[in-house]
Amino acid sequence: MKLAIMQPYYFPYLGYHQLIGAVDRFIVYDNIKYTKKGWINRNRMLRNGTDATFSLPLKSDSDSAHVRERQVADTYSADKFLAQLRGAYQKAPFFTSTIAVVERAVRTPDLNLFAFLHHSIVETSRHLDLDAEILTSSDVDINHDLQGQDKVIALCKAAGATTYVNPIGGQELYAHETFAAQGILLEFLKPTLVEYNQFGAPFVPWLSIIDVLMFNAVEDVRARFLPSYELV
């Protein structure tokens, strides 16, 4: 059984969904510290030929609070976010089908940050027809005081994983021999850049999955984009 583990992100880029597609089970961390400068509640879309950040406003809270302890701010407006997307993508070829997916994701009544992000990940994965079982880290019976590689290995063993797949950026964090000693094969997923037409302008890579879906049929994304990676 192949397993991957990631933080939740706000409509993450293609590589996140490639990771979900590459495994049988996918664990999303909820009991992990929220980081202000990360991508947990923000991402990038295309606007006027360049990248523009969109974000999910949060209520003020302690810097040590976990993702599951944070709340979306009362100022959040699904209508405003959808209007932003309409302004940027209304002329995109697959706007109608994509905006419907986004709308289902962002109109959830649960404004707990983790619940909101988890819901959007599940909705997008369903649209992409990804089969992985999506789990929540705190529901897995381990010692959650463990850190780093030790916690990952504990989650792998508790979930019954024989292979752990991590994004390529984690090569310096995890050692093949340490996982092998626990009977787990360690692999790293390296996405291959796939360019596509963005209103005929110079290509802007690694934007939110929303951008990929606006410009490409979901069947093409499944067949051509999701498999565009190598495991090393």
Protein backbone atom coordinates (compact mmCIF):
# COMPACT_ATOMS: atom_id res chain seq x y z
CA MET A 1 0.00 0.00 0.00
CA LYS A 2 1.33 3.41 -1.00
CA LEU A 3 0.90 6.38 1.32
CA ALA A 4 1.56 10.12 1.11
CA ILE A 5 1.22 12.74 3.86
CA MET A 6 0.85 16.49 3.34
CA GLN A 7 -0.30 19.70 4.97
CA PRO A 8 -3.60 21.06 3.69
CA TYR A 9 -3.34 23.83 1.12
CA TYR A 10 -5.81 26.21 -0.51
CA PHE A 11 -6.48 24.83 -4.02
CA PRO A 12 -2.87 23.61 -4.34
CA TYR A 13 -0.90 23.22 -7.54
CA LEU A 14 -0.97 20.20 -9.85
CA GLY A 15 1.85 18.38 -8.02
CA TYR A 16 -0.27 18.04 -4.87
CA HIS A 17 -2.95 16.23 -6.85
CA GLN A 18 -0.35 14.12 -8.65
CA LEU A 19 0.75 12.97 -5.20
CA ILE A 20 -2.83 12.01 -4.28
CA GLY A 21 -3.13 10.15 -7.58
CA ALA A 22 0.11 8.25 -6.99
CA VAL A 23 -0.97 6.61 -3.71
CA ASP A 24 -3.67 4.44 -2.18
CA ARG A 25 -4.04 6.49 1.00
CA PHE A 26 -3.38 10.18 1.54
CA ILE A 27 -3.11 11.66 5.04
CA VAL A 28 -3.75 15.39 5.53
CA TYR A 29 -2.17 16.94 8.62
CA ASP A 30 -4.62 18.74 10.87
CA ASN A 31 -2.52 18.70 14.05
CA ILE A 32 0.33 20.72 12.57
CA LYS A 33 1.29 24.31 13.32
CA TYR A 34 -0.17 26.94 11.02
CA THR A 35 2.59 28.91 9.26
CA LYS A 36 1.93 32.47 8.13
CA LYS A 37 4.34 32.50 5.19
CA GLY A 38 3.36 29.13 3.76
CA TRP A 39 0.66 28.15 1.28
CA ILE A 40 -1.91 26.79 3.71
CA ASN A 41 -4.43 29.55 3.09
CA ARG A 42 -3.16 31.20 -0.10
CA ASN A 43 -2.22 30.34 -3.66
CA ARG A 44 -1.72 31.88 -7.09
CA MET A 45 -3.93 32.32 -10.12
CA LEU A 46 -3.49 33.97 -13.52
CA ARG A 47 -4.60 37.59 -13.85
CA ASN A 48 -3.82 39.76 -16.87
CA GLY A 49 -1.05 37.45 -18.01
CA THR A 50 0.82 37.23 -14.72
CA ASP A 51 0.51 35.44 -11.38
CA ALA A 52 -1.65 36.97 -8.66
CA THR A 53 -2.09 35.74 -5.09
CA PHE A 54 -5.49 34.84 -3.66
CA SER A 55 -5.94 34.08 0.03
CA LEU A 56 -8.38 32.90 2.66
CA PRO A 57 -8.63 35.45 5.50
CA LEU A 58 -8.28 34.05 9.01
CA LYS A 59 -9.34 35.17 12.46
CA SER A 60 -6.47 36.30 14.69
CA ASP A 61 -5.08 33.56 16.89
CA SER A 62 -1.93 32.34 18.62
CA ASP A 63 1.11 31.77 16.40
CA SER A 64 1.41 28.32 17.98
CA ALA A 65 -2.12 27.23 17.05
CA HIS A 66 -2.57 24.14 14.90
CA VAL A 67 -4.35 24.29 11.55
CA ARG A 68 -7.41 22.60 13.06
CA GLU A 69 -7.57 25.34 15.74
CA ARG A 70 -7.76 28.23 13.26
CA GLN A 71 -10.96 29.74 11.90
CA VAL A 72 -11.77 31.51 8.65
CA ALA A 73 -12.47 35.21 9.29
CA ASP A 74 -15.98 36.63 9.35
CA THR A 75 -14.90 38.89 6.48
CA TYR A 76 -14.54 35.89 4.17
CA SER A 77 -16.89 36.00 1.20
CA ALA A 78 -17.30 33.07 -1.18
CA ASP A 79 -19.07 35.45 -3.57
CA LYS A 80 -16.06 37.77 -3.62
CA PHE A 81 -13.63 34.93 -4.35
CA LEU A 82 -15.85 33.54 -7.10
CA ALA A 83 -16.11 37.05 -8.58
CA GLN A 84 -12.30 37.25 -8.62
CA LEU A 85 -12.16 34.01 -10.57
CA ARG A 86 -14.84 35.20 -12.98
CA GLY A 87 -12.88 38.37 -13.65
CA ALA A 88 -9.72 36.40 -14.34
CA TYR A 89 -11.05 33.32 -16.15
CA GLN A 90 -14.52 33.93 -17.57
CA LYS A 91 -13.20 33.59 -21.13
CA ALA A 92 -11.24 30.42 -20.37
CA PRO A 93 -12.48 27.37 -22.33
CA PHE A 94 -13.44 25.30 -19.28
CA PHE A 95 -14.61 28.10 -17.00
CA THR A 96 -18.15 26.76 -16.49
CA SER A 97 -17.19 23.26 -15.33
CA THR A 98 -14.32 24.52 -13.16
CA ILE A 99 -16.19 27.33 -11.42
CA ALA A 100 -18.86 24.80 -10.46
CA VAL A 101 -16.27 22.66 -8.66
CA VAL A 102 -14.77 25.67 -6.89
CA GLU A 103 -18.21 26.88 -5.85
CA ARG A 104 -19.06 23.52 -4.27
CA ALA A 105 -15.78 23.69 -2.37
CA VAL A 106 -15.98 27.25 -1.06
CA ARG A 107 -19.63 27.32 -0.07
CA THR A 108 -19.13 24.84 2.76
CA PRO A 109 -20.79 26.13 5.96
CA ASP A 110 -17.93 24.87 8.16
CA LEU A 111 -15.43 27.73 8.51
CA ASN A 112 -12.92 25.86 10.61
CA LEU A 113 -9.73 26.25 8.57
CA PHE A 114 -8.87 22.56 8.39
CA ALA A 115 -12.43 21.50 7.61
CA PHE A 116 -12.65 24.14 4.87
CA LEU A 117 -9.38 23.10 3.23
CA HIS A 118 -10.09 19.38 3.62
CA HIS A 119 -13.45 19.86 1.93
CA SER A 120 -11.85 21.66 -1.02
CA ILE A 121 -9.22 18.93 -1.41
CA VAL A 122 -11.90 16.23 -1.40
CA GLU A 123 -14.09 18.11 -3.90
CA THR A 124 -11.18 18.69 -6.30
CA SER A 125 -10.00 15.09 -5.97
CA ARG A 126 -13.50 13.85 -6.73
CA HIS A 127 -13.63 16.03 -9.85
CA LEU A 128 -10.28 14.59 -10.96
CA ASP A 129 -11.55 11.05 -10.25
CA LEU A 130 -8.71 10.29 -7.83
CA ASP A 131 -9.21 7.04 -5.91
CA ALA A 132 -6.98 7.55 -2.86
CA GLU A 133 -8.61 7.30 0.55
CA ILE A 134 -8.14 10.70 2.20
CA LEU A 135 -7.51 10.51 5.95
CA THR A 136 -6.93 13.05 8.73
CA SER A 137 -3.69 12.77 10.71
CA SER A 138 -5.22 13.11 14.18
CA ASP A 139 -7.53 10.16 13.44
CA VAL A 140 -4.51 7.85 13.06
CA ASP A 141 -3.55 6.12 16.31
CA ILE A 142 0.10 7.11 16.92
CA ASN A 143 2.07 9.20 19.39
CA HIS A 144 1.39 12.62 17.94
CA ASP A 145 4.21 14.17 19.96
CA LEU A 146 6.64 12.61 17.50
CA GLN A 147 8.31 14.97 15.06
CA GLY A 148 9.68 14.93 11.51
CA GLN A 149 10.78 11.63 10.04
CA ASP A 150 9.82 9.68 13.19
CA LYS A 151 6.23 10.88 12.93
CA VAL A 152 6.03 10.07 9.22
CA ILE A 153 7.28 6.54 9.83
CA ALA A 154 4.81 6.08 12.68
CA LEU A 155 1.94 7.19 10.43
CA CYS A 156 3.15 4.86 7.68
CA LYS A 157 3.23 1.87 10.03
CA ALA A 158 -0.17 2.69 11.57
CA ALA A 159 -1.73 3.08 8.12
CA GLY A 160 -0.20 -0.15 6.84
CA ALA A 161 2.01 1.48 4.22
CA THR A 162 4.72 -0.49 2.44
CA THR A 163 5.72 2.55 0.34
CA TYR A 164 5.87 6.20 1.37
CA VAL A 165 5.80 8.82 -1.42
CA ASN A 166 6.97 12.36 -0.65
CA PRO A 167 7.34 15.46 -2.85
CA ILE A 168 10.81 15.86 -4.32
CA GLY A 169 11.52 18.84 -2.08
CA GLY A 170 11.80 16.53 0.92
CA GLN A 171 14.88 14.64 -0.26
CA GLU A 172 17.05 16.23 2.42
CA LEU A 173 14.54 15.47 5.18
CA TYR A 174 14.15 11.72 4.79
CA ALA A 175 16.63 8.87 4.35
CA HIS A 176 15.95 5.77 2.26
CA GLU A 177 17.87 3.54 4.66
CA THR A 178 15.89 4.73 7.70
CA PHE A 179 12.58 3.86 6.01
CA ALA A 180 13.99 0.59 4.66
CA ALA A 181 14.96 -0.45 8.20
CA GLN A 182 11.24 -0.20 9.04
CA GLY A 183 10.23 -2.22 5.98
CA ILE A 184 9.05 0.85 4.03
CA LEU A 185 10.17 1.85 0.55
CA LEU A 186 10.76 5.62 0.27
CA GLU A 187 10.04 7.33 -3.06
CA PHE A 188 10.07 10.97 -4.12
CA LEU A 189 7.65 12.41 -6.66
CA LYS A 190 9.20 14.82 -9.15
CA PRO A 191 6.59 16.63 -11.30
CA THR A 192 7.29 17.25 -14.96
CA LEU A 193 6.32 20.71 -16.17
CA VAL A 194 3.47 20.53 -18.68
CA GLU A 195 2.78 23.78 -20.53
CA TYR A 196 -0.66 24.71 -21.82
CA ASN A 197 -2.31 27.67 -23.51
CA GLN A 198 -3.17 30.52 -21.12
CA PHE A 199 -5.01 32.97 -23.40
CA GLY A 200 -2.08 32.82 -25.83
CA ALA A 201 0.25 34.67 -23.43
CA PRO A 202 3.68 33.46 -22.17
CA PHE A 203 3.15 30.46 -19.93
CA VAL A 204 3.08 31.02 -16.14
CA PRO A 205 3.89 27.69 -14.39
CA TRP A 206 2.90 26.10 -11.08
CA LEU A 207 -0.28 28.03 -10.44
CA SER A 208 -3.24 26.64 -8.50
CA ILE A 209 -5.00 23.56 -9.88
CA ILE A 210 -7.82 25.99 -10.66
CA ASP A 211 -5.71 27.42 -13.49
CA VAL A 212 -4.99 23.97 -14.95
CA LEU A 213 -8.69 23.10 -14.94
CA MET A 214 -9.76 26.43 -16.45
CA PHE A 215 -7.68 25.83 -19.57
CA ASN A 216 -7.84 22.04 -19.95
CA ALA A 217 -10.63 19.45 -20.15
CA VAL A 218 -10.73 17.36 -16.99
CA GLU A 219 -10.34 14.22 -19.12
CA ASP A 220 -7.09 15.66 -20.53
CA VAL A 221 -5.88 16.59 -17.05
CA ARG A 222 -6.48 13.00 -15.90
CA ALA A 223 -4.83 11.43 -18.95
CA ARG A 224 -1.92 13.81 -19.64
CA PHE A 225 -1.23 16.04 -16.64
CA LEU A 226 -1.70 13.82 -13.59
CA PRO A 227 0.72 11.11 -14.84
CA SER A 228 3.42 13.70 -15.72
CA TYR A 229 5.90 12.89 -12.97
CA GLU A 230 8.66 10.48 -12.11
CA LEU A 231 9.32 8.59 -8.88
CA VAL A 232 12.93 8.66 -7.75
